[in-house]
Protein backbone atom coordinates (compact mmCIF):
# COMPACT_ATOMS: atom_id res chain seq x y z
CA UNK A 1 186.39 112.47 43.50
CA UNK A 2 182.97 110.99 45.31
CA UNK A 3 182.72 111.13 49.03
CA UNK A 4 180.75 108.55 50.62
CA UNK A 5 178.97 109.04 54.08
CA UNK A 6 179.03 106.12 56.65
CA UNK A 7 176.48 104.10 57.03
CA UNK A 8 174.05 105.17 59.56
CA UNK A 9 174.53 103.90 63.42
CA UNK A 10 170.88 102.31 63.51
CA UNK A 11 172.13 100.20 60.24
CA UNK A 12 175.35 98.99 61.74
CA UNK A 13 173.61 97.94 65.09
CA UNK A 14 171.32 95.63 63.34
CA UNK A 15 174.01 94.35 61.07
CA UNK A 16 176.17 93.38 64.23
CA UNK A 17 173.42 91.98 66.13
CA UNK A 18 172.75 89.79 62.84
CA UNK A 19 176.32 88.50 63.14
CA UNK A 20 176.22 87.82 66.52
CA UNK A 21 172.85 85.88 66.12
CA UNK A 22 174.43 83.94 63.08
CA UNK A 23 177.67 83.22 65.05
CA UNK A 24 176.04 82.47 68.52
CA UNK A 25 174.83 78.54 67.31
CA UNK A 26 171.64 79.34 66.58
CA UNK A 27 169.35 76.52 67.82
CA UNK A 28 172.21 74.65 68.63
CA UNK A 29 171.01 71.06 67.62
CA UNK A 30 174.35 70.50 65.87
CA UNK A 31 175.52 69.05 69.27
CA UNK A 32 174.98 65.66 69.93
CA UNK A 33 171.43 64.73 71.67
CA UNK A 34 170.14 61.60 74.23
CA UNK A 35 167.02 60.44 75.01
CA UNK A 36 166.10 61.41 78.62
CA UNK A 37 162.86 61.04 80.54
CA UNK A 38 162.39 60.59 84.05
CA UNK A 39 159.78 61.36 86.92
CA UNK A 40 159.09 64.45 89.55
CA UNK A 41 158.73 63.75 92.93
CA UNK A 42 157.90 65.75 96.46
CA UNK A 43 157.53 64.01 99.52
CA UNK A 44 157.43 60.64 97.79
CA UNK A 45 154.46 61.89 95.73
CA UNK A 46 154.41 62.08 92.14
CA UNK A 47 154.44 65.73 90.93
CA UNK A 48 152.00 66.48 87.78
CA UNK A 49 151.61 69.21 85.40
CA UNK A 50 155.22 70.55 86.31
CA UNK A 51 157.80 71.76 83.25
CA UNK A 52 161.20 70.36 83.71
CA UNK A 53 163.84 72.52 81.62
CA UNK A 54 167.40 71.67 80.69
CA UNK A 55 169.65 74.19 80.08
CA UNK A 56 173.46 73.78 79.31
CA UNK A 57 175.77 74.48 82.38
CA UNK A 58 179.64 75.26 82.38
CA UNK A 59 181.58 74.46 79.59
CA UNK A 60 178.13 72.69 77.85
CA UNK A 61 176.92 73.80 75.08
CA UNK A 62 173.32 73.59 72.95
CA UNK A 63 169.69 74.32 73.39
CA UNK A 64 167.64 73.86 76.19
CA UNK A 65 165.17 70.64 76.73
CA UNK A 66 161.84 70.90 78.23
CA UNK A 67 159.22 68.42 79.14
CA UNK A 68 155.89 68.33 80.94
CA UNK A 69 155.15 65.81 83.69
CA UNK A 70 151.89 63.42 83.35
CA UNK A 71 150.14 62.53 86.22
CA UNK A 72 152.66 59.93 87.39
CA UNK A 73 155.22 63.10 87.23
CA UNK A 74 156.88 61.42 84.44
CA UNK A 75 158.35 63.56 81.65
CA UNK A 76 160.45 62.73 78.67
CA UNK A 77 162.63 65.68 77.11
CA UNK A 78 162.46 67.29 73.97
CA UNK A 79 163.84 70.48 71.97
CA UNK A 80 162.15 73.78 71.22
CA UNK A 81 162.28 72.45 67.43
CA UNK A 82 160.73 69.06 68.59
CA UNK A 83 163.83 66.98 68.23
CA UNK A 84 163.76 64.15 71.20
CA UNK A 85 166.40 64.24 73.85
CA UNK A 86 168.54 66.58 75.65
CA UNK A 87 172.02 67.74 74.74
CA UNK A 88 174.86 65.74 76.23
CA UNK A 89 176.62 67.86 78.86
CA UNK A 90 176.13 68.79 82.48
CA UNK A 91 172.53 70.75 82.88
CA UNK A 92 171.21 73.31 85.26
CA UNK A 93 167.61 72.01 85.86
CA UNK A 94 164.42 74.14 86.74
CA UNK A 95 161.03 72.67 87.48
CA UNK A 96 158.13 74.92 87.24
CA UNK A 97 154.42 74.58 88.28
CA UNK A 98 152.42 75.09 84.78
CA UNK A 99 149.15 75.28 86.52
CA UNK A 100 150.48 78.70 88.85
CA UNK A 101 152.37 79.56 85.17
CA UNK A 102 148.74 79.07 83.55
CA UNK A 103 146.51 81.03 86.32
CA UNK A 104 149.14 84.03 85.71
CA UNK A 105 149.26 84.29 82.31
CA UNK A 106 145.38 82.82 81.45
CA UNK A 107 146.18 79.61 79.57
CA UNK A 108 145.76 76.23 79.92
CA UNK A 109 148.64 74.02 81.51
CA UNK A 110 149.21 71.78 78.72
CA UNK A 111 149.43 74.70 76.26
CA UNK A 112 151.92 76.89 78.45
CA UNK A 113 154.87 78.22 75.77
CA UNK A 114 158.13 76.89 77.78
CA UNK A 115 159.47 80.60 77.84
CA UNK A 116 156.43 81.37 79.96
CA UNK A 117 157.51 79.08 82.87
CA UNK A 118 160.65 80.68 83.62
CA UNK A 119 158.90 84.11 84.40
CA UNK A 120 156.76 82.66 86.89
CA UNK A 121 155.91 83.34 90.55
CA UNK A 122 153.57 82.16 93.15
CA UNK A 123 150.18 83.38 92.54
CA UNK A 124 148.44 83.50 95.41
CA UNK A 125 148.00 79.86 96.61
CA UNK A 126 150.64 77.43 97.85
CA UNK A 127 152.31 75.48 94.90
CA UNK A 128 153.71 72.20 95.49
CA UNK A 129 157.39 73.32 94.30
CA UNK A 130 159.42 75.83 95.83
CA UNK A 131 159.81 78.65 93.70
CA UNK A 132 163.49 78.70 93.87
CA UNK A 133 163.87 75.31 91.64
CA UNK A 134 162.12 77.55 88.70
CA UNK A 135 164.99 80.29 89.06
CA UNK A 136 167.92 79.06 86.67
CA UNK A 137 170.18 80.95 89.23
CA UNK A 138 168.79 79.40 92.04
CA UNK A 139 167.98 75.97 91.49
CA UNK A 140 169.93 73.23 93.41
CA UNK A 141 169.19 70.86 90.52
CA UNK A 142 171.85 69.47 88.09
CA UNK A 143 171.96 66.34 85.56
CA UNK A 144 174.40 65.00 83.49
CA UNK A 145 173.06 63.47 80.30
CA UNK A 146 175.40 60.83 78.63
CA UNK A 147 176.11 60.13 75.16
CA UNK A 148 175.04 56.46 74.21
CA UNK A 149 171.58 55.34 74.72
CA UNK A 150 168.58 56.67 76.72
CA UNK A 151 168.67 57.39 80.24
CA UNK A 152 166.31 58.07 83.35
CA UNK A 153 166.79 61.23 85.36
CA UNK A 154 164.63 61.33 88.42
CA UNK A 155 164.39 64.25 90.64
CA UNK A 156 162.84 64.21 94.25
CA UNK A 157 161.96 67.95 95.58
CA UNK A 158 162.30 68.08 99.33
C-alpha cells in the first residue's frame, strides 16, 4: 500500500489562482461592444492629453476601455487588446491628466500605459482635471453604452 503525501501548499495556491483567473472572464471580450467617442471639456475649453477610462459598473460586465484626448479634447475608446469600442452597459468613467502622469512616471504622455494613469496624483503644478476624476471610487462621471451603433458621449468637467 502506497502512501501519498498531499501536494505542497504553494502548488495548491497557484492552482487555485490559475482556476480563478480562467473563470474570471479573462479579457471579457465576449461581451458586446459599441463604438464610443466624445469630447472632454473643462470650463468650455477642450482638455488635451487626458486619458478617458470606462470601467464596467454595477451589473455590467466586460473589460475597461480607454482613449486619449487630442488637442481638441476628442477621444475614441478601445479595449486594451486593441478592439474598437467599449462593452455595452453602465460604466464608471475616470478622466486623468496624462501630462501630470507622464511627469510622475517619466514617460511621454502619448506613450503612457493605461494602468499607470489610474495611479496618478497631482505632481506639484495644478492639473486641469480635479484629482477625484481619476479615482474610480470617487469619480462622479457615469456613462451608459448602448448596443446598436456608434455613440458620442461628451464630458464637461466643472
